[in-house]
């Protein structure tokens, strides 16, 4: 019985490690060249540019919220328009989502709900979002820039 528990613990730890490694490798593979963050300055266009940088280069939202083509490449024509979750939990989880929602264009919440989510990790239900969504702890300014960028997408 102890061997079974130990095996389950090992498999759980191995699956989490594999997921973290996969996400790091995906981020590394997506990186074509270093991109300097736009300054956090007042103004609509600079706010959108900063949000674009955060979404694409820091938070890496595109990796999960953008569909992929038959080669596994991001379909940039559908940028942040929602996509199937392309990996599953190693251990069955009843609440594991099958789809990442569309966040580009009209995000799935009000500006204030999205800012709260990005600064606290808590959604409008009062609960954290389900795994595998990271619990971001952005500054209010960065979260507002992300929302401005997401809303700028058509």
N, C-alpha and C. Protein backbone atom coordinates (compact mmCIF):
# COMPACT_ATOMS: atom_id res chain seq x y z
N UNK A 1 0.82 -1.19 0.00
CA UNK A 1 0.00 0.00 0.00
C UNK A 1 0.87 1.26 0.00
N UNK A 2 1.95 1.22 0.81
CA UNK A 2 2.85 2.38 0.84
C UNK A 2 3.53 2.58 -0.51
N UNK A 3 3.85 1.47 -1.18
CA UNK A 3 4.47 1.58 -2.50
C UNK A 3 3.55 2.27 -3.49
N UNK A 4 2.26 1.98 -3.39
CA UNK A 4 1.28 2.61 -4.28
C UNK A 4 1.18 4.11 -3.99
N UNK A 5 1.16 4.47 -2.71
CA UNK A 5 1.13 5.90 -2.36
C UNK A 5 2.39 6.61 -2.83
N UNK A 6 3.53 5.97 -2.63
CA UNK A 6 4.79 6.57 -3.06
C UNK A 6 4.82 6.72 -4.58
N UNK A 7 4.31 5.73 -5.29
CA UNK A 7 4.27 5.81 -6.75
C UNK A 7 3.37 6.95 -7.20
N UNK A 8 2.23 7.11 -6.54
CA UNK A 8 1.32 8.22 -6.89
C UNK A 8 1.96 9.57 -6.63
N UNK A 9 2.64 9.70 -5.48
CA UNK A 9 3.33 10.95 -5.17
C UNK A 9 4.40 11.25 -6.21
N UNK A 10 5.17 10.21 -6.58
CA UNK A 10 6.22 10.39 -7.58
C UNK A 10 5.63 10.82 -8.92
N UNK A 11 4.56 10.15 -9.35
CA UNK A 11 3.93 10.50 -10.62
C UNK A 11 3.36 11.91 -10.59
N UNK A 12 2.78 12.31 -9.47
CA UNK A 12 2.24 13.65 -9.35
C UNK A 12 3.36 14.69 -9.44
N UNK A 13 4.44 14.46 -8.71
CA UNK A 13 5.58 15.37 -8.75
C UNK A 13 6.21 15.40 -10.13
N UNK A 14 6.33 14.25 -10.76
CA UNK A 14 6.91 14.18 -12.10
C UNK A 14 6.05 14.91 -13.11
N UNK A 15 4.73 14.80 -12.99
CA UNK A 15 3.85 15.47 -13.94
C UNK A 15 3.89 16.98 -13.77
N UNK A 16 3.94 17.46 -12.53
CA UNK A 16 4.05 18.90 -12.29
C UNK A 16 5.39 19.40 -12.84
N UNK A 17 6.45 18.65 -12.60
CA UNK A 17 7.77 19.05 -13.11
C UNK A 17 7.77 19.09 -14.63
N UNK A 18 7.14 18.10 -15.25
CA UNK A 18 7.08 18.07 -16.71
C UNK A 18 6.28 19.24 -17.24
N UNK A 19 5.19 19.60 -16.58
CA UNK A 19 4.38 20.75 -17.00
C UNK A 19 5.17 22.04 -16.90
N UNK A 20 5.88 22.23 -15.80
CA UNK A 20 6.70 23.44 -15.64
C UNK A 20 7.78 23.48 -16.71
N UNK A 21 8.45 22.36 -16.94
CA UNK A 21 9.49 22.30 -17.97
C UNK A 21 8.90 22.62 -19.34
N UNK A 22 7.73 22.06 -19.65
CA UNK A 22 7.06 22.32 -20.93
C UNK A 22 6.78 23.80 -21.10
N UNK A 23 6.25 24.46 -20.06
CA UNK A 23 5.92 25.88 -20.16
C UNK A 23 7.18 26.72 -20.34
N UNK A 24 8.26 26.36 -19.65
CA UNK A 24 9.52 27.10 -19.81
C UNK A 24 10.05 26.91 -21.23
N UNK A 25 10.00 25.68 -21.74
CA UNK A 25 10.48 25.44 -23.09
C UNK A 25 9.62 26.16 -24.13
N UNK A 26 8.31 26.20 -23.92
CA UNK A 26 7.43 26.92 -24.85
C UNK A 26 7.78 28.41 -24.85
N UNK A 27 7.99 28.97 -23.68
CA UNK A 27 8.35 30.38 -23.61
C UNK A 27 9.69 30.62 -24.29
N UNK A 28 10.64 29.74 -24.08
CA UNK A 28 11.96 29.88 -24.70
C UNK A 28 11.85 29.75 -26.22
N UNK A 29 11.06 28.80 -26.69
CA UNK A 29 10.92 28.59 -28.14
C UNK A 29 10.23 29.76 -28.82
N UNK A 30 9.32 30.42 -28.11
CA UNK A 30 8.59 31.55 -28.68
C UNK A 30 9.46 32.80 -28.78
N UNK A 31 10.51 32.84 -27.97
CA UNK A 31 11.34 34.03 -27.90
C UNK A 31 12.27 34.09 -29.11
N UNK A 32 12.07 35.10 -29.96
CA UNK A 32 12.92 35.23 -31.13
C UNK A 32 14.07 36.20 -30.88
N UNK A 33 13.81 37.22 -30.10
CA UNK A 33 14.85 38.17 -29.74
C UNK A 33 14.38 38.93 -28.51
N UNK A 34 15.31 39.43 -27.71
CA UNK A 34 14.90 40.18 -26.53
C UNK A 34 14.09 41.41 -26.93
N UNK A 35 13.04 41.65 -26.19
CA UNK A 35 12.18 42.81 -26.45
C UNK A 35 12.20 43.68 -25.21
N UNK A 36 12.47 44.94 -25.40
CA UNK A 36 12.51 45.87 -24.29
C UNK A 36 11.09 46.33 -23.97
N UNK A 37 10.76 46.33 -22.69
CA UNK A 37 9.42 46.73 -22.26
C UNK A 37 9.21 48.21 -22.53
N UNK A 38 8.06 48.56 -23.13
CA UNK A 38 7.74 49.98 -23.27
C UNK A 38 7.58 50.59 -21.89
N UNK A 39 7.91 51.84 -21.73
CA UNK A 39 7.77 52.47 -20.41
C UNK A 39 6.30 52.60 -20.03
N UNK A 40 6.05 52.58 -18.73
CA UNK A 40 4.69 52.77 -18.23
C UNK A 40 4.43 54.27 -18.14
N UNK A 41 4.07 54.86 -19.27
CA UNK A 41 3.82 56.30 -19.32
C UNK A 41 2.37 56.55 -19.66
N UNK A 42 1.87 57.72 -19.31
CA UNK A 42 0.48 58.04 -19.64
C UNK A 42 0.27 58.06 -21.15
N UNK A 43 -0.94 57.79 -21.58
CA UNK A 43 -1.27 57.83 -22.99
C UNK A 43 -1.81 56.51 -23.46
N UNK A 44 -2.84 56.57 -24.27
CA UNK A 44 -3.53 55.36 -24.71
C UNK A 44 -2.62 54.43 -25.50
N UNK A 45 -1.88 54.96 -26.50
CA UNK A 45 -1.10 54.08 -27.36
C UNK A 45 0.07 53.45 -26.60
N UNK A 46 0.70 54.21 -25.70
CA UNK A 46 1.81 53.63 -24.93
C UNK A 46 1.28 52.58 -23.95
N UNK A 47 0.08 52.78 -23.43
CA UNK A 47 -0.54 51.81 -22.53
C UNK A 47 -0.84 50.51 -23.29
N UNK A 48 -1.35 50.62 -24.51
CA UNK A 48 -1.63 49.45 -25.34
C UNK A 48 -0.33 48.73 -25.67
N UNK A 49 0.70 49.46 -26.01
CA UNK A 49 2.00 48.83 -26.33
C UNK A 49 2.57 48.11 -25.13
N UNK A 50 2.47 48.71 -23.96
CA UNK A 50 2.95 48.05 -22.74
C UNK A 50 2.14 46.78 -22.49
N UNK A 51 0.82 46.85 -22.66
CA UNK A 51 -0.02 45.68 -22.49
C UNK A 51 0.34 44.58 -23.47
N UNK A 52 0.62 44.97 -24.71
CA UNK A 52 1.03 43.99 -25.73
C UNK A 52 2.31 43.28 -25.31
N UNK A 53 3.26 44.04 -24.80
CA UNK A 53 4.51 43.46 -24.33
C UNK A 53 4.25 42.47 -23.19
N UNK A 54 3.45 42.86 -22.22
CA UNK A 54 3.17 41.99 -21.07
C UNK A 54 2.48 40.71 -21.53
N UNK A 55 1.46 40.84 -22.37
CA UNK A 55 0.68 39.68 -22.83
C UNK A 55 1.55 38.72 -23.64
N UNK A 56 2.38 39.26 -24.53
CA UNK A 56 3.13 38.41 -25.47
C UNK A 56 4.52 38.00 -24.99
N UNK A 57 5.15 38.80 -24.14
CA UNK A 57 6.54 38.53 -23.77
C UNK A 57 6.72 38.15 -22.30
N UNK A 58 5.77 38.51 -21.45
CA UNK A 58 5.94 38.25 -20.01
C UNK A 58 4.95 37.18 -19.55
N UNK A 59 3.68 37.47 -19.61
CA UNK A 59 2.65 36.53 -19.14
C UNK A 59 2.46 35.37 -20.11
N UNK A 60 2.83 35.57 -21.36
CA UNK A 60 2.75 34.54 -22.40
C UNK A 60 1.32 34.02 -22.60
N UNK A 61 0.34 34.90 -22.50
CA UNK A 61 -1.07 34.54 -22.66
C UNK A 61 -1.33 33.86 -24.00
N UNK A 62 -0.58 34.26 -25.02
CA UNK A 62 -0.80 33.71 -26.36
C UNK A 62 -0.63 32.20 -26.42
N UNK A 63 0.21 31.64 -25.56
CA UNK A 63 0.48 30.20 -25.63
C UNK A 63 -0.76 29.36 -25.35
N UNK A 64 -1.64 29.83 -24.52
CA UNK A 64 -2.84 29.04 -24.19
C UNK A 64 -4.11 29.60 -24.82
N UNK A 65 -4.21 30.90 -24.99
CA UNK A 65 -5.45 31.53 -25.44
C UNK A 65 -5.52 31.72 -26.96
N UNK A 66 -4.50 31.24 -27.68
CA UNK A 66 -4.49 31.33 -29.15
C UNK A 66 -4.49 29.93 -29.72
N UNK A 67 -5.39 29.65 -30.67
CA UNK A 67 -5.40 28.30 -31.28
C UNK A 67 -4.12 28.04 -32.07
N UNK A 68 -3.88 26.78 -32.31
CA UNK A 68 -2.70 26.35 -33.07
C UNK A 68 -3.14 25.71 -34.38
N UNK A 69 -2.25 25.80 -35.37
CA UNK A 69 -2.55 25.19 -36.67
C UNK A 69 -2.14 23.72 -36.64
N UNK A 70 -2.25 23.06 -37.80
CA UNK A 70 -1.96 21.62 -37.88
C UNK A 70 -0.49 21.29 -37.59
N UNK A 71 0.40 22.28 -37.65
CA UNK A 71 1.82 22.07 -37.34
C UNK A 71 2.12 22.39 -35.88
N UNK A 72 1.12 22.81 -35.12
CA UNK A 72 1.34 23.17 -33.72
C UNK A 72 1.78 24.61 -33.52
N UNK A 73 1.82 25.38 -34.61
CA UNK A 73 2.22 26.80 -34.53
C UNK A 73 1.01 27.65 -34.14
N UNK A 74 1.27 28.75 -33.45
CA UNK A 74 0.19 29.66 -33.09
C UNK A 74 -0.47 30.21 -34.35
N UNK A 75 -1.78 30.22 -34.38
CA UNK A 75 -2.54 30.80 -35.48
C UNK A 75 -2.73 32.28 -35.18
N UNK A 76 -1.80 33.09 -35.64
CA UNK A 76 -1.80 34.53 -35.33
C UNK A 76 -3.02 35.25 -35.89
N UNK A 77 -3.74 34.64 -36.84
CA UNK A 77 -4.96 35.26 -37.35
C UNK A 77 -6.10 35.15 -36.33
N UNK A 78 -5.91 34.30 -35.31
CA UNK A 78 -6.90 34.11 -34.25
C UNK A 78 -6.31 34.47 -32.88
N UNK A 79 -5.46 35.47 -32.86
CA UNK A 79 -4.72 35.85 -31.66
C UNK A 79 -5.64 36.08 -30.46
N UNK A 80 -5.45 35.29 -29.41
CA UNK A 80 -6.16 35.41 -28.14
C UNK A 80 -7.67 35.24 -28.24
N UNK A 81 -8.10 34.47 -29.25
CA UNK A 81 -9.54 34.26 -29.47
C UNK A 81 -10.05 32.97 -28.82
N UNK A 82 -9.27 32.38 -27.93
CA UNK A 82 -9.68 31.16 -27.25
C UNK A 82 -9.17 29.94 -27.98
N UNK A 83 -8.91 28.88 -27.24
CA UNK A 83 -8.35 27.67 -27.84
C UNK A 83 -8.55 26.49 -26.90
N UNK A 84 -8.53 25.28 -27.46
CA UNK A 84 -8.58 24.10 -26.60
C UNK A 84 -7.33 24.06 -25.72
N UNK A 85 -7.49 23.59 -24.49
CA UNK A 85 -6.32 23.39 -23.62
C UNK A 85 -5.53 22.25 -24.24
N UNK A 86 -4.26 22.50 -24.56
CA UNK A 86 -3.49 21.52 -25.32
C UNK A 86 -2.71 20.55 -24.45
N UNK A 87 -2.94 20.55 -23.16
CA UNK A 87 -2.36 19.54 -22.29
C UNK A 87 -3.36 19.25 -21.17
N UNK A 88 -3.23 18.10 -20.58
CA UNK A 88 -4.15 17.67 -19.54
C UNK A 88 -3.38 17.46 -18.24
N UNK A 89 -4.11 17.49 -17.14
CA UNK A 89 -3.51 17.23 -15.84
C UNK A 89 -3.05 15.77 -15.80
N UNK A 90 -1.95 15.51 -15.14
CA UNK A 90 -1.43 14.15 -15.04
C UNK A 90 -2.37 13.28 -14.19
N UNK A 91 -2.94 13.87 -13.17
CA UNK A 91 -3.92 13.19 -12.34
C UNK A 91 -5.29 13.75 -12.69
N UNK A 92 -6.31 12.92 -12.80
CA UNK A 92 -7.64 13.43 -13.14
C UNK A 92 -8.11 14.51 -12.16
N UNK A 93 -8.59 15.60 -12.72
CA UNK A 93 -9.13 16.71 -11.94
C UNK A 93 -10.51 17.02 -12.51
N UNK A 94 -11.52 16.96 -11.70
CA UNK A 94 -12.88 17.15 -12.17
C UNK A 94 -13.15 18.53 -12.73
N UNK A 95 -12.35 19.50 -12.32
CA UNK A 95 -12.61 20.89 -12.72
C UNK A 95 -11.61 21.40 -13.75
N UNK A 96 -10.85 20.51 -14.38
CA UNK A 96 -9.84 20.92 -15.37
C UNK A 96 -10.55 21.41 -16.63
N UNK A 97 -10.29 22.63 -17.07
CA UNK A 97 -11.00 23.14 -18.25
C UNK A 97 -10.55 22.45 -19.53
N UNK A 98 -11.42 22.41 -20.49
CA UNK A 98 -11.10 21.84 -21.80
C UNK A 98 -10.79 22.94 -22.81
N UNK A 99 -11.09 24.18 -22.46
CA UNK A 99 -10.91 25.30 -23.38
C UNK A 99 -10.47 26.54 -22.62
N UNK A 100 -9.50 27.26 -23.20
CA UNK A 100 -9.11 28.58 -22.69
C UNK A 100 -10.03 29.60 -23.34
N UNK A 101 -10.57 30.52 -22.58
CA UNK A 101 -11.54 31.45 -23.16
C UNK A 101 -10.90 32.50 -24.07
N UNK A 102 -11.73 33.10 -24.90
CA UNK A 102 -11.32 34.24 -25.71
C UNK A 102 -11.07 35.39 -24.74
N UNK A 103 -9.93 36.03 -24.87
CA UNK A 103 -9.65 37.21 -24.06
C UNK A 103 -9.38 38.44 -24.93
N UNK A 104 -9.18 38.24 -26.23
CA UNK A 104 -8.92 39.36 -27.13
C UNK A 104 -10.21 39.97 -27.63
N UNK A 105 -10.20 41.27 -27.88
CA UNK A 105 -11.37 41.97 -28.40
C UNK A 105 -12.25 42.44 -27.27
N UNK A 106 -13.13 41.58 -26.82
CA UNK A 106 -13.99 41.88 -25.67
C UNK A 106 -13.66 40.86 -24.60
N UNK A 107 -12.84 41.22 -23.62
CA UNK A 107 -12.50 40.26 -22.56
C UNK A 107 -13.74 39.75 -21.84
N UNK A 108 -13.63 38.61 -21.16
CA UNK A 108 -14.80 37.97 -20.55
C UNK A 108 -15.29 38.62 -19.26
N UNK A 109 -14.86 39.81 -18.96
CA UNK A 109 -15.32 40.53 -17.77
C UNK A 109 -15.18 42.02 -17.98
N UNK A 110 -15.67 42.78 -17.02
CA UNK A 110 -15.52 44.23 -17.08
C UNK A 110 -14.05 44.58 -16.90
N UNK A 111 -13.69 45.83 -17.20
CA UNK A 111 -12.30 46.27 -16.99
C UNK A 111 -11.90 46.02 -15.54
N UNK A 112 -12.77 46.39 -14.61
CA UNK A 112 -12.44 46.25 -13.19
C UNK A 112 -12.30 44.78 -12.79
N UNK A 113 -13.15 43.91 -13.33
CA UNK A 113 -13.04 42.47 -13.03
C UNK A 113 -11.74 41.91 -13.56
N UNK A 114 -11.36 42.31 -14.76
CA UNK A 114 -10.11 41.83 -15.34
C UNK A 114 -8.91 42.34 -14.55
N UNK A 115 -8.95 43.61 -14.15
CA UNK A 115 -7.85 44.17 -13.36
C UNK A 115 -7.74 43.45 -12.02
N UNK A 116 -8.88 43.18 -11.38
CA UNK A 116 -8.86 42.44 -10.12
C UNK A 116 -8.27 41.06 -10.32
N UNK A 117 -8.66 40.37 -11.39
CA UNK A 117 -8.12 39.04 -11.67
C UNK A 117 -6.60 39.10 -11.83
N UNK A 118 -6.12 40.06 -12.60
CA UNK A 118 -4.69 40.14 -12.90
C UNK A 118 -3.86 40.64 -11.72
N UNK A 119 -4.48 41.33 -10.77
CA UNK A 119 -3.73 41.84 -9.61
C UNK A 119 -3.84 40.93 -8.39
N UNK A 120 -4.91 40.12 -8.32
CA UNK A 120 -5.12 39.29 -7.13
C UNK A 120 -5.20 37.80 -7.42
N UNK A 121 -5.50 37.43 -8.67
CA UNK A 121 -5.71 36.03 -9.00
C UNK A 121 -7.13 35.57 -8.72
N UNK A 122 -8.01 36.50 -8.34
CA UNK A 122 -9.39 36.15 -7.99
C UNK A 122 -10.34 36.65 -9.08
N UNK A 123 -11.27 35.79 -9.51
CA UNK A 123 -12.23 36.14 -10.54
C UNK A 123 -13.49 36.75 -9.93
N UNK A 124 -14.44 37.14 -10.76
CA UNK A 124 -15.64 37.83 -10.29
C UNK A 124 -16.56 36.94 -9.44
N UNK A 125 -16.26 35.67 -9.37
CA UNK A 125 -17.00 34.73 -8.52
C UNK A 125 -16.50 34.76 -7.09
N UNK A 126 -15.38 35.46 -6.87
CA UNK A 126 -14.75 35.47 -5.55
C UNK A 126 -13.77 34.33 -5.36
N UNK A 127 -13.57 33.52 -6.40
CA UNK A 127 -12.67 32.37 -6.31
C UNK A 127 -11.52 32.52 -7.30
N UNK A 128 -10.39 31.85 -7.02
CA UNK A 128 -9.30 31.84 -8.01
C UNK A 128 -9.75 31.08 -9.25
N UNK A 129 -9.19 31.44 -10.40
CA UNK A 129 -9.48 30.68 -11.62
C UNK A 129 -8.92 29.27 -11.48
N UNK A 130 -9.47 28.37 -12.26
CA UNK A 130 -9.04 26.97 -12.22
C UNK A 130 -7.65 26.81 -12.81
N UNK A 131 -6.97 25.76 -12.35
CA UNK A 131 -5.72 25.36 -12.99
C UNK A 131 -6.03 25.06 -14.44
N UNK A 132 -5.17 25.31 -15.37
CA UNK A 132 -3.77 25.68 -15.26
C UNK A 132 -3.51 27.19 -15.32
N UNK A 133 -4.56 28.01 -15.18
CA UNK A 133 -4.38 29.47 -15.25
C UNK A 133 -3.50 29.94 -14.09
N UNK A 134 -2.40 30.66 -14.41
CA UNK A 134 -1.53 31.18 -13.35
C UNK A 134 -2.25 32.25 -12.52
N UNK A 135 -1.86 32.37 -11.29
CA UNK A 135 -2.39 33.42 -10.41
C UNK A 135 -1.44 34.61 -10.50
N UNK A 136 -1.74 35.51 -11.42
CA UNK A 136 -0.88 36.68 -11.60
C UNK A 136 -1.04 37.65 -10.44
N UNK A 137 0.00 38.41 -10.18
CA UNK A 137 -0.02 39.47 -9.17
C UNK A 137 0.59 40.73 -9.80
N UNK A 138 -0.06 41.19 -10.87
CA UNK A 138 0.44 42.36 -11.59
C UNK A 138 0.15 43.62 -10.79
N UNK A 139 0.89 44.68 -11.13
CA UNK A 139 0.52 45.98 -10.57
C UNK A 139 -0.77 46.43 -11.25
N UNK A 140 -1.47 47.34 -10.64
CA UNK A 140 -2.71 47.85 -11.22
C UNK A 140 -2.43 48.50 -12.59
N UNK A 141 -1.31 49.20 -12.71
CA UNK A 141 -0.96 49.85 -13.97
C UNK A 141 -0.70 48.83 -15.07
N UNK A 142 0.03 47.77 -14.75
CA UNK A 142 0.29 46.72 -15.74
C UNK A 142 -1.00 46.01 -16.12
N UNK A 143 -1.86 45.72 -15.14
CA UNK A 143 -3.13 45.06 -15.43
C UNK A 143 -4.00 45.93 -16.33
N UNK A 144 -4.03 47.23 -16.06
CA UNK A 144 -4.81 48.15 -16.90
C UNK A 144 -4.24 48.19 -18.32
N UNK A 145 -2.92 48.12 -18.45
CA UNK A 145 -2.30 48.09 -19.78
C UNK A 145 -2.67 46.81 -20.52
N UNK A 146 -2.70 45.68 -19.81
CA UNK A 146 -3.10 44.41 -20.42
C UNK A 146 -4.53 44.51 -20.93
N UNK A 147 -5.42 45.04 -20.11
CA UNK A 147 -6.84 45.18 -20.51
C UNK A 147 -6.95 46.10 -21.74
N UNK A 148 -6.20 47.19 -21.75
CA UNK A 148 -6.23 48.11 -22.89
C UNK A 148 -5.77 47.39 -24.17
N UNK A 149 -4.73 46.58 -24.06
CA UNK A 149 -4.26 45.83 -25.23
C UNK A 149 -5.30 44.81 -25.68
N UNK A 150 -5.82 44.04 -24.73
CA UNK A 150 -6.82 43.01 -25.11
C UNK A 150 -8.01 43.63 -25.81
N UNK A 151 -8.46 44.79 -25.33
CA UNK A 151 -9.61 45.45 -25.94
C UNK A 151 -9.27 46.06 -27.30
N UNK A 152 -7.99 46.28 -27.57
CA UNK A 152 -7.59 46.86 -28.84
C UNK A 152 -7.62 45.84 -29.99
N UNK A 153 -7.68 44.55 -29.64
CA UNK A 153 -7.67 43.49 -30.65
C UNK A 153 -9.06 43.36 -31.27
N UNK A 154 -9.10 43.05 -32.55
CA UNK A 154 -10.40 42.87 -33.24
C UNK A 154 -10.61 41.43 -33.57
